[in-house]
């Protein structure tokens, strides 16, 4: 296992995360971080030549449609059934005193 994680590093990470860690928790975190770094080293051994970098495992494409106005400004028909109108808008009762 990697011994690259120092006690000072664990203390610093604890401060950044605003955690108060016991000595046992610090040792566990040091061990966990060391195993993570070892795993990254193992991944770095893989031959990735010719492999295109990607941000997601599945191909992603924009699924949003174009924002095209289809009904235009139909204000008069919209306000035709309004119980009360004022200055071309719906008028509603006051809700805040």
PDB file of N, CA and C in Angstrom:
ATOM      1  N   UNK A   1       0.843  -1.186   0.000  1.00  0.00           N
ATOM      2  CA  UNK A   1       0.000   0.000   0.000  1.00  0.00           C
ATOM      3  C   UNK A   1       0.880   1.238   0.000  1.00  0.00           C
ATOM      4  N   UNK A   2       0.375   2.259  -0.580  1.00  0.00           N
ATOM      5  CA  UNK A   2       1.118   3.514  -0.710  1.00  0.00           C
ATOM      6  C   UNK A   2       1.243   4.215   0.638  1.00  0.00           C
ATOM      7  N   UNK A   3       2.395   4.803   0.865  1.00  0.00           N
ATOM      8  CA  UNK A   3       2.639   5.580   2.083  1.00  0.00           C
ATOM      9  C   UNK A   3       2.817   7.050   1.724  1.00  0.00           C
ATOM     10  N   UNK A   4       2.145   7.509   0.682  1.00  0.00           N
ATOM     11  CA  UNK A   4       2.303   8.885   0.207  1.00  0.00           C
ATOM     12  C   UNK A   4       1.458   9.879   0.981  1.00  0.00           C
ATOM     13  N   UNK A   5       0.525   9.407   1.752  1.00  0.00           N
ATOM     14  CA  UNK A   5      -0.361  10.293   2.493  1.00  0.00           C
ATOM     15  C   UNK A   5       0.221  10.502   3.888  1.00  0.00           C
ATOM     16  N   UNK A   6       0.540  11.745   4.189  1.00  0.00           N
ATOM     17  CA  UNK A   6       1.119  12.047   5.492  1.00  0.00           C
ATOM     18  C   UNK A   6       0.024  12.425   6.487  1.00  0.00           C
ATOM     19  N   UNK A   7       0.404  12.445   7.763  1.00  0.00           N
ATOM     20  CA  UNK A   7      -0.539  12.867   8.801  1.00  0.00           C
ATOM     21  C   UNK A   7      -0.942  14.319   8.595  1.00  0.00           C
ATOM     22  N   UNK A   8      -0.004  15.131   8.099  1.00  0.00           N
ATOM     23  CA  UNK A   8      -0.299  16.540   7.853  1.00  0.00           C
ATOM     24  C   UNK A   8      -1.356  16.686   6.757  1.00  0.00           C
ATOM     25  N   UNK A   9      -1.262  15.839   5.743  1.00  0.00           N
ATOM     26  CA  UNK A   9      -2.249  15.875   4.656  1.00  0.00           C
ATOM     27  C   UNK A   9      -3.636  15.530   5.181  1.00  0.00           C
ATOM     28  N   UNK A  10      -3.722  14.500   6.000  1.00  0.00           N
ATOM     29  CA  UNK A  10      -5.009  14.103   6.574  1.00  0.00           C
ATOM     30  C   UNK A  10      -5.558  15.216   7.452  1.00  0.00           C
ATOM     31  N   UNK A  11      -4.693  15.826   8.244  1.00  0.00           N
ATOM     32  CA  UNK A  11      -5.111  16.940   9.100  1.00  0.00           C
ATOM     33  C   UNK A  11      -5.637  18.101   8.255  1.00  0.00           C
ATOM     34  N   UNK A  12      -4.932  18.408   7.158  1.00  0.00           N
ATOM     35  CA  UNK A  12      -5.321  19.503   6.274  1.00  0.00           C
ATOM     36  C   UNK A  12      -6.667  19.216   5.599  1.00  0.00           C
ATOM     37  N   UNK A  13      -6.851  18.000   5.121  1.00  0.00           N
ATOM     38  CA  UNK A  13      -8.116  17.619   4.489  1.00  0.00           C
ATOM     39  C   UNK A  13      -9.251  17.703   5.509  1.00  0.00           C
ATOM     40  N   UNK A  14      -8.979  17.294   6.735  1.00  0.00           N
ATOM     41  CA  UNK A  14      -9.987  17.394   7.788  1.00  0.00           C
ATOM     42  C   UNK A  14     -10.384  18.833   8.051  1.00  0.00           C
ATOM     43  N   UNK A  15      -9.400  19.737   8.034  1.00  0.00           N
ATOM     44  CA  UNK A  15      -9.688  21.155   8.230  1.00  0.00           C
ATOM     45  C   UNK A  15     -10.518  21.692   7.074  1.00  0.00           C
ATOM     46  N   UNK A  16     -10.130  21.344   5.843  1.00  0.00           N
ATOM     47  CA  UNK A  16     -10.886  21.807   4.674  1.00  0.00           C
ATOM     48  C   UNK A  16     -12.327  21.307   4.698  1.00  0.00           C
ATOM     49  N   UNK A  17     -12.502  20.061   5.139  1.00  0.00           N
ATOM     50  CA  UNK A  17     -13.841  19.464   5.179  1.00  0.00           C
ATOM     51  C   UNK A  17     -14.589  19.833   6.465  1.00  0.00           C
ATOM     52  N   UNK A  18     -13.925  20.596   7.335  1.00  0.00           N
ATOM     53  CA  UNK A  18     -14.510  21.009   8.614  1.00  0.00           C
ATOM     54  C   UNK A  18     -14.955  19.799   9.422  1.00  0.00           C
ATOM     55  N   UNK A  19     -14.057  18.802   9.491  1.00  0.00           N
ATOM     56  CA  UNK A  19     -14.323  17.589  10.243  1.00  0.00           C
ATOM     57  C   UNK A  19     -13.375  17.499  11.427  1.00  0.00           C
ATOM     58  N   UNK A  20     -13.889  17.025  12.514  1.00  0.00           N
ATOM     59  CA  UNK A  20     -13.040  16.713  13.657  1.00  0.00           C
ATOM     60  C   UNK A  20     -12.896  15.200  13.678  1.00  0.00           C
ATOM     61  N   UNK A  21     -11.734  14.721  13.303  1.00  0.00           N
ATOM     62  CA  UNK A  21     -11.495  13.285  13.193  1.00  0.00           C
ATOM     63  C   UNK A  21     -10.715  12.782  14.399  1.00  0.00           C
ATOM     64  N   UNK A  22     -11.127  11.623  14.890  1.00  0.00           N
ATOM     65  CA  UNK A  22     -10.356  10.973  15.947  1.00  0.00           C
ATOM     66  C   UNK A  22      -9.096  10.382  15.314  1.00  0.00           C
ATOM     67  N   UNK A  23      -8.166   9.949  16.150  1.00  0.00           N
ATOM     68  CA  UNK A  23      -6.930   9.359  15.633  1.00  0.00           C
ATOM     69  C   UNK A  23      -7.234   8.114  14.799  1.00  0.00           C
ATOM     70  N   UNK A  24      -8.210   7.334  15.246  1.00  0.00           N
ATOM     71  CA  UNK A  24      -8.597   6.122  14.504  1.00  0.00           C
ATOM     72  C   UNK A  24      -9.175   6.484  13.136  1.00  0.00           C
ATOM     73  N   UNK A  25     -10.016   7.518  13.098  1.00  0.00           N
ATOM     74  CA  UNK A  25     -10.603   7.965  11.834  1.00  0.00           C
ATOM     75  C   UNK A  25      -9.534   8.523  10.904  1.00  0.00           C
ATOM     76  N   UNK A  26      -8.544   9.211  11.468  1.00  0.00           N
ATOM     77  CA  UNK A  26      -7.450   9.735  10.647  1.00  0.00           C
ATOM     78  C   UNK A  26      -6.659   8.597  10.020  1.00  0.00           C
ATOM     79  N   UNK A  27      -6.390   7.555  10.795  1.00  0.00           N
ATOM     80  CA  UNK A  27      -5.659   6.402  10.261  1.00  0.00           C
ATOM     81  C   UNK A  27      -6.466   5.703   9.172  1.00  0.00           C
ATOM     82  N   UNK A  28      -7.776   5.582   9.402  1.00  0.00           N
ATOM     83  CA  UNK A  28      -8.642   4.956   8.392  1.00  0.00           C
ATOM     84  C   UNK A  28      -8.664   5.792   7.110  1.00  0.00           C
ATOM     85  N   UNK A  29      -8.758   7.123   7.244  1.00  0.00           N
ATOM     86  CA  UNK A  29      -8.759   8.003   6.080  1.00  0.00           C
ATOM     87  C   UNK A  29      -7.433   7.916   5.344  1.00  0.00           C
ATOM     88  N   UNK A  30      -6.339   7.850   6.085  1.00  0.00           N
ATOM     89  CA  UNK A  30      -5.007   7.732   5.481  1.00  0.00           C
ATOM     90  C   UNK A  30      -4.910   6.430   4.688  1.00  0.00           C
ATOM     91  N   UNK A  31      -5.424   5.364   5.264  1.00  0.00           N
ATOM     92  CA  UNK A  31      -5.419   4.070   4.575  1.00  0.00           C
ATOM     93  C   UNK A  31      -6.290   4.111   3.321  1.00  0.00           C
ATOM     94  N   UNK A  32      -7.498   4.703   3.437  1.00  0.00           N
ATOM     95  CA  UNK A  32      -8.409   4.786   2.292  1.00  0.00           C
ATOM     96  C   UNK A  32      -7.804   5.609   1.157  1.00  0.00           C
ATOM     97  N   UNK A  33      -7.218   6.751   1.499  1.00  0.00           N
ATOM     98  CA  UNK A  33      -6.611   7.598   0.465  1.00  0.00           C
ATOM     99  C   UNK A  33      -5.425   6.904  -0.187  1.00  0.00           C
ATOM    100  N   UNK A  34      -4.656   6.187   0.599  1.00  0.00           N
ATOM    101  CA  UNK A  34      -3.540   5.428   0.038  1.00  0.00           C
ATOM    102  C   UNK A  34      -4.013   4.375  -0.947  1.00  0.00           C
ATOM    103  N   UNK A  35      -5.103   3.670  -0.595  1.00  0.00           N
ATOM    104  CA  UNK A  35      -5.650   2.653  -1.511  1.00  0.00           C
ATOM    105  C   UNK A  35      -6.178   3.305  -2.785  1.00  0.00           C
ATOM    106  N   UNK A  36      -6.779   4.502  -2.658  1.00  0.00           N
ATOM    107  CA  UNK A  36      -7.253   5.214  -3.850  1.00  0.00           C
ATOM    108  C   UNK A  36      -6.088   5.563  -4.776  1.00  0.00           C
ATOM    109  N   UNK A  37      -5.015   6.067  -4.208  1.00  0.00           N
ATOM    110  CA  UNK A  37      -3.841   6.417  -5.022  1.00  0.00           C
ATOM    111  C   UNK A  37      -3.219   5.176  -5.658  1.00  0.00           C
ATOM    112  N   UNK A  38      -3.189   4.068  -4.917  1.00  0.00           N
ATOM    113  CA  UNK A  38      -2.681   2.819  -5.488  1.00  0.00           C
ATOM    114  C   UNK A  38      -3.529   2.379  -6.673  1.00  0.00           C
ATOM    115  N   UNK A  39      -4.844   2.520  -6.551  1.00  0.00           N
ATOM    116  CA  UNK A  39      -5.746   2.152  -7.638  1.00  0.00           C
ATOM    117  C   UNK A  39      -5.519   3.040  -8.853  1.00  0.00           C
ATOM    118  N   UNK A  40      -5.317   4.314  -8.620  1.00  0.00           N
ATOM    119  CA  UNK A  40      -5.042   5.240  -9.731  1.00  0.00           C
ATOM    120  C   UNK A  40      -3.734   4.845 -10.418  1.00  0.00           C
ATOM    121  N   UNK A  41      -2.722   4.478  -9.626  1.00  0.00           N
ATOM    122  CA  UNK A  41      -1.462   4.023 -10.218  1.00  0.00           C
ATOM    123  C   UNK A  41      -1.683   2.783 -11.077  1.00  0.00           C
ATOM    124  N   UNK A  42      -2.531   1.887 -10.596  1.00  0.00           N
ATOM    125  CA  UNK A  42      -2.828   0.673 -11.362  1.00  0.00           C
ATOM    126  C   UNK A  42      -3.527   1.024 -12.674  1.00  0.00           C
ATOM    127  N   UNK A  43      -4.457   1.987 -12.629  1.00  0.00           N
ATOM    128  CA  UNK A  43      -5.137   2.423 -13.849  1.00  0.00           C
ATOM    129  C   UNK A  43      -4.160   3.075 -14.823  1.00  0.00           C
ATOM    130  N   UNK A  44      -3.166   3.786 -14.280  1.00  0.00           N
ATOM    131  CA  UNK A  44      -2.177   4.436 -15.139  1.00  0.00           C
ATOM    132  C   UNK A  44      -1.306   3.433 -15.893  1.00  0.00           C
ATOM    133  N   UNK A  45      -1.285   2.190 -15.442  1.00  0.00           N
ATOM    134  CA  UNK A  45      -0.511   1.154 -16.129  1.00  0.00           C
ATOM    135  C   UNK A  45      -1.203   0.675 -17.402  1.00  0.00           C
ATOM    136  N   UNK A  46      -2.486   0.957 -17.542  1.00  0.00           N
ATOM    137  CA  UNK A  46      -3.235   0.502 -18.715  1.00  0.00           C
ATOM    138  C   UNK A  46      -2.771   1.230 -19.965  1.00  0.00           C
ATOM    139  N   UNK A  47      -2.763   0.501 -21.079  1.00  0.00           N
ATOM    140  CA  UNK A  47      -2.403   1.088 -22.365  1.00  0.00           C
ATOM    141  C   UNK A  47      -3.636   1.798 -22.923  1.00  0.00           C
ATOM    142  N   UNK A  48      -3.596   3.113 -22.939  1.00  0.00           N
ATOM    143  CA  UNK A  48      -4.729   3.899 -23.442  1.00  0.00           C
ATOM    144  C   UNK A  48      -4.388   4.600 -24.747  1.00  0.00           C
ATOM    145  N   UNK A  49      -3.339   4.161 -25.383  1.00  0.00           N
ATOM    146  CA  UNK A  49      -2.949   4.773 -26.652  1.00  0.00           C
ATOM    147  C   UNK A  49      -4.028   4.501 -27.690  1.00  0.00           C
ATOM    148  N   UNK A  50      -4.462   5.549 -28.365  1.00  0.00           N
ATOM    149  CA  UNK A  50      -5.486   5.418 -29.394  1.00  0.00           C
ATOM    150  C   UNK A  50      -6.904   5.459 -28.842  1.00  0.00           C
ATOM    151  N   UNK A  51      -7.052   5.584 -27.537  1.00  0.00           N
ATOM    152  CA  UNK A  51      -8.386   5.664 -26.936  1.00  0.00           C
ATOM    153  C   UNK A  51      -8.754   7.133 -26.815  1.00  0.00           C
ATOM    154  N   UNK A  52      -9.874   7.488 -27.425  1.00  0.00           N
ATOM    155  CA  UNK A  52     -10.299   8.883 -27.405  1.00  0.00           C
ATOM    156  C   UNK A  52     -10.887   9.240 -26.045  1.00  0.00           C
ATOM    157  N   UNK A  53     -10.469  10.366 -25.465  1.00  0.00           N
ATOM    158  CA  UNK A  53     -11.042  10.777 -24.172  1.00  0.00           C
ATOM    159  C   UNK A  53     -12.527  11.058 -24.316  1.00  0.00           C
ATOM    160  N   UNK A  54     -13.272  10.763 -23.254  1.00  0.00           N
ATOM    161  CA  UNK A  54     -14.700  11.031 -23.281  1.00  0.00           C
ATOM    162  C   UNK A  54     -15.147  11.538 -21.922  1.00  0.00           C
ATOM    163  N   UNK A  55     -16.247  12.267 -21.929  1.00  0.00           N
ATOM    164  CA  UNK A  55     -16.773  12.806 -20.679  1.00  0.00           C
ATOM    165  C   UNK A  55     -17.878  11.926 -20.111  1.00  0.00           C
ATOM    166  N   UNK A  56     -18.394  10.992 -20.911  1.00  0.00           N
ATOM    167  CA  UNK A  56     -19.482  10.137 -20.461  1.00  0.00           C
ATOM    168  C   UNK A  56     -19.371   8.797 -21.157  1.00  0.00           C
ATOM    169  N   UNK A  57     -19.842   7.754 -20.508  1.00  0.00           N
ATOM    170  CA  UNK A  57     -19.724   6.421 -21.078  1.00  0.00           C
ATOM    171  C   UNK A  57     -20.636   6.233 -22.296  1.00  0.00           C
ATOM    172  N   UNK A  58     -21.774   6.916 -22.315  1.00  0.00           N
ATOM    173  CA  UNK A  58     -22.700   6.818 -23.441  1.00  0.00           C
ATOM    174  C   UNK A  58     -22.590   8.070 -24.306  1.00  0.00           C
ATOM    175  N   UNK A  59     -22.842   7.949 -25.607  1.00  0.00           N
ATOM    176  CA  UNK A  59     -22.816   9.156 -26.447  1.00  0.00           C
ATOM    177  C   UNK A  59     -23.940  10.100 -26.025  1.00  0.00           C
ATOM    178  N   UNK A  60     -23.602  11.347 -25.875  1.00  0.00           N
ATOM    179  CA  UNK A  60     -24.582  12.339 -25.444  1.00  0.00           C
ATOM    180  C   UNK A  60     -24.782  13.338 -26.577  1.00  0.00           C
ATOM    181  N   UNK A  61     -26.026  13.664 -26.831  1.00  0.00           N
ATOM    182  CA  UNK A  61     -26.335  14.688 -27.818  1.00  0.00           C
ATOM    183  C   UNK A  61     -27.450  15.567 -27.264  1.00  0.00           C
ATOM    184  N   UNK A  62     -27.571  16.734 -27.802  1.00  0.00           N
ATOM    185  CA  UNK A  62     -28.571  17.685 -27.333  1.00  0.00           C
ATOM    186  C   UNK A  62     -29.960  17.174 -27.702  1.00  0.00           C
ATOM    187  N   UNK A  63     -30.800  17.001 -26.697  1.00  0.00           N
ATOM    188  CA  UNK A  63     -32.145  16.490 -26.948  1.00  0.00           C
ATOM    189  C   UNK A  63     -33.192  17.599 -26.924  1.00  0.00           C
ATOM    190  N   UNK A  64     -32.767  18.832 -26.746  1.00  0.00           N
ATOM    191  CA  UNK A  64     -33.710  19.944 -26.717  1.00  0.00           C
ATOM    192  C   UNK A  64     -34.098  20.355 -28.132  1.00  0.00           C
ATOM    193  N   UNK A  65     -35.339  20.713 -28.289  1.00  0.00           N
ATOM    194  CA  UNK A  65     -35.809  21.167 -29.591  1.00  0.00           C
ATOM    195  C   UNK A  65     -35.511  22.654 -29.726  1.00  0.00           C
ATOM    196  N   UNK A  66     -35.556  23.128 -30.928  1.00  0.00           N
ATOM    197  CA  UNK A  66     -35.390  24.554 -31.168  1.00  0.00           C
ATOM    198  C   UNK A  66     -36.574  25.296 -30.561  1.00  0.00           C
ATOM    199  N   UNK A  67     -36.335  26.466 -30.026  1.00  0.00           N
ATOM    200  CA  UNK A  67     -37.386  27.269 -29.419  1.00  0.00           C
ATOM    201  C   UNK A  67     -37.994  28.163 -30.503  1.00  0.00           C
ATOM    202  N   UNK A  68     -39.037  27.658 -31.136  1.00  0.00           N
ATOM    203  CA  UNK A  68     -39.687  28.359 -32.241  1.00  0.00           C
ATOM    204  C   UNK A  68     -41.094  28.749 -31.806  1.00  0.00           C
ATOM    205  N   UNK A  69     -41.431  30.012 -31.948  1.00  0.00           N
ATOM    206  CA  UNK A  69     -42.770  30.487 -31.605  1.00  0.00           C
ATOM    207  C   UNK A  69     -43.725  30.031 -32.700  1.00  0.00           C
ATOM    208  N   UNK A  70     -44.791  29.333 -32.299  1.00  0.00           N
ATOM    209  CA  UNK A  70     -45.731  28.814 -33.303  1.00  0.00           C
ATOM    210  C   UNK A  70     -47.090  29.496 -33.233  1.00  0.00           C
ATOM    211  N   UNK A  71     -47.464  30.039 -32.052  1.00  0.00           N
ATOM    212  CA  UNK A  71     -48.795  30.622 -31.960  1.00  0.00           C
ATOM    213  C   UNK A  71     -48.777  32.151 -31.951  1.00  0.00           C
ATOM    214  N   UNK A  72     -47.641  32.748 -31.852  1.00  0.00           N
ATOM    215  CA  UNK A  72     -47.545  34.207 -31.911  1.00  0.00           C
ATOM    216  C   UNK A  72     -48.228  34.904 -30.747  1.00  0.00           C
ATOM    217  N   UNK A  73     -48.532  36.174 -30.947  1.00  0.00           N
ATOM    218  CA  UNK A  73     -49.158  36.984 -29.907  1.00  0.00           C
ATOM    219  C   UNK A  73     -50.667  36.932 -30.094  1.00  0.00           C
ATOM    220  N   UNK A  74     -51.325  36.130 -29.283  1.00  0.00           N
ATOM    221  CA  UNK A  74     -52.775  35.961 -29.374  1.00  0.00           C
ATOM    222  C   UNK A  74     -53.429  36.513 -28.111  1.00  0.00           C
ATOM    223  N   UNK A  75     -52.953  37.683 -27.685  1.00  0.00           N
ATOM    224  CA  UNK A  75     -53.373  38.277 -26.417  1.00  0.00           C
ATOM    225  C   UNK A  75     -54.886  38.465 -26.323  1.00  0.00           C
ATOM    226  N   UNK A  76     -55.513  38.926 -27.379  1.00  0.00           N
ATOM    227  CA  UNK A  76     -56.958  39.212 -27.323  1.00  0.00           C
ATOM    228  C   UNK A  76     -57.761  37.940 -27.064  1.00  0.00           C
ATOM    229  N   UNK A  77     -57.424  36.859 -27.739  1.00  0.00           N
ATOM    230  CA  UNK A  77     -58.139  35.597 -27.512  1.00  0.00           C
ATOM    231  C   UNK A  77     -57.856  35.030 -26.127  1.00  0.00           C
ATOM    232  N   UNK A  78     -56.621  35.193 -25.649  1.00  0.00           N
ATOM    233  CA  UNK A  78     -56.272  34.682 -24.320  1.00  0.00           C
ATOM    234  C   UNK A  78     -57.043  35.439 -23.247  1.00  0.00           C
ATOM    235  N   UNK A  79     -57.147  36.749 -23.388  1.00  0.00           N
ATOM    236  CA  UNK A  79     -57.827  37.564 -22.380  1.00  0.00           C
ATOM    237  C   UNK A  79     -59.341  37.576 -22.539  1.00  0.00           C
ATOM    238  N   UNK A  80     -59.861  36.986 -23.613  1.00  0.00           N
ATOM    239  CA  UNK A  80     -61.302  37.029 -23.871  1.00  0.00           C
ATOM    240  C   UNK A  80     -62.107  36.404 -22.735  1.00  0.00           C
ATOM    241  N   UNK A  81     -61.608  35.379 -22.099  1.00  0.00           N
ATOM    242  CA  UNK A  81     -62.344  34.694 -21.027  1.00  0.00           C
ATOM    243  C   UNK A  81     -61.895  35.111 -19.630  1.00  0.00           C
ATOM    244  N   UNK A  82     -61.028  36.098 -19.541  1.00  0.00           N
ATOM    245  CA  UNK A  82     -60.541  36.533 -18.227  1.00  0.00           C
ATOM    246  C   UNK A  82     -61.653  37.246 -17.478  1.00  0.00           C
ATOM    247  N   UNK A  83     -61.859  36.922 -16.194  1.00  0.00           N
ATOM    248  CA  UNK A  83     -62.900  37.608 -15.434  1.00  0.00           C
ATOM    249  C   UNK A  83     -62.620  39.100 -15.286  1.00  0.00           C
ATOM    250  N   UNK A  84     -61.335  39.462 -15.113  1.00  0.00           N
ATOM    251  CA  UNK A  84     -60.958  40.866 -15.017  1.00  0.00           C
ATOM    252  C   UNK A  84     -59.638  41.069 -15.753  1.00  0.00           C
ATOM    253  N   UNK A  85     -59.530  42.218 -16.442  1.00  0.00           N
ATOM    254  CA  UNK A  85     -58.312  42.543 -17.177  1.00  0.00           C
ATOM    255  C   UNK A  85     -57.915  43.969 -16.863  1.00  0.00           C
ATOM    256  N   UNK A  86     -56.623  44.227 -16.997  1.00  0.00           N
ATOM    257  CA  UNK A  86     -56.132  45.584 -16.799  1.00  0.00           C
ATOM    258  C   UNK A  86     -54.878  45.757 -17.633  1.00  0.00           C
ATOM    259  N   UNK A  87     -54.851  46.739 -18.489  1.00  0.00           N
ATOM    260  CA  UNK A  87     -53.697  47.061 -19.330  1.00  0.00           C
ATOM    261  C   UNK A  87     -53.191  45.855 -20.117  1.00  0.00           C
ATOM    262  N   UNK A  88     -54.109  45.055 -20.654  1.00  0.00           N
ATOM    263  CA  UNK A  88     -53.740  43.925 -21.498  1.00  0.00           C
ATOM    264  C   UNK A  88     -53.193  42.740 -20.734  1.00  0.00           C
ATOM    265  N   UNK A  89     -53.511  42.630 -19.440  1.00  0.00           N
ATOM    266  CA  UNK A  89     -53.038  41.512 -18.613  1.00  0.00           C
ATOM    267  C   UNK A  89     -54.160  41.052 -17.703  1.00  0.00           C
ATOM    268  N   UNK A  90     -54.002  39.874 -17.125  1.00  0.00           N
ATOM    269  CA  UNK A  90     -54.955  39.381 -16.147  1.00  0.00           C
ATOM    270  C   UNK A  90     -54.875  40.235 -14.892  1.00  0.00           C
ATOM    271  N   UNK A  91     -56.022  40.555 -14.307  1.00  0.00           N
ATOM    272  CA  UNK A  91     -56.028  41.258 -13.034  1.00  0.00           C
ATOM    273  C   UNK A  91     -56.503  40.261 -11.983  1.00  0.00           C
ATOM    274  N   UNK A  92     -55.711  40.113 -10.919  1.00  0.00           N
ATOM    275  CA  UNK A  92     -56.018  39.154  -9.867  1.00  0.00           C
ATOM    276  C   UNK A  92     -56.120  39.901  -8.547  1.00  0.00           C
ATOM    277  N   UNK A  93     -56.807  39.285  -7.569  1.00  0.00           N
ATOM    278  CA  UNK A  93     -56.918  39.934  -6.264  1.00  0.00           C
ATOM    279  C   UNK A  93     -55.547  40.072  -5.594  1.00  0.00           C
ATOM    280  N   UNK A  94     -55.396  41.089  -4.798  1.00  0.00           N
ATOM    281  CA  UNK A  94     -54.162  41.316  -4.069  1.00  0.00           C
ATOM    282  C   UNK A  94     -53.989  40.221  -3.029  1.00  0.00           C
ATOM    283  N   UNK A  95     -52.799  39.644  -2.951  1.00  0.00           N
ATOM    284  CA  UNK A  95     -52.581  38.534  -2.020  1.00  0.00           C
ATOM    285  C   UNK A  95     -51.715  38.936  -0.827  1.00  0.00           C
ATOM    286  N   UNK A  96     -51.001  40.055  -0.925  1.00  0.00           N
ATOM    287  CA  UNK A  96     -50.124  40.501   0.152  1.00  0.00           C
ATOM    288  C   UNK A  96     -50.560  41.894   0.553  1.00  0.00           C
ATOM    289  N   UNK A  97     -50.717  42.102   1.817  1.00  0.00           N
ATOM    290  CA  UNK A  97     -51.132  43.410   2.319  1.00  0.00           C
ATOM    291  C   UNK A  97     -49.928  44.293   2.501  1.00  0.00           C
TER     292      UNK A  97
END
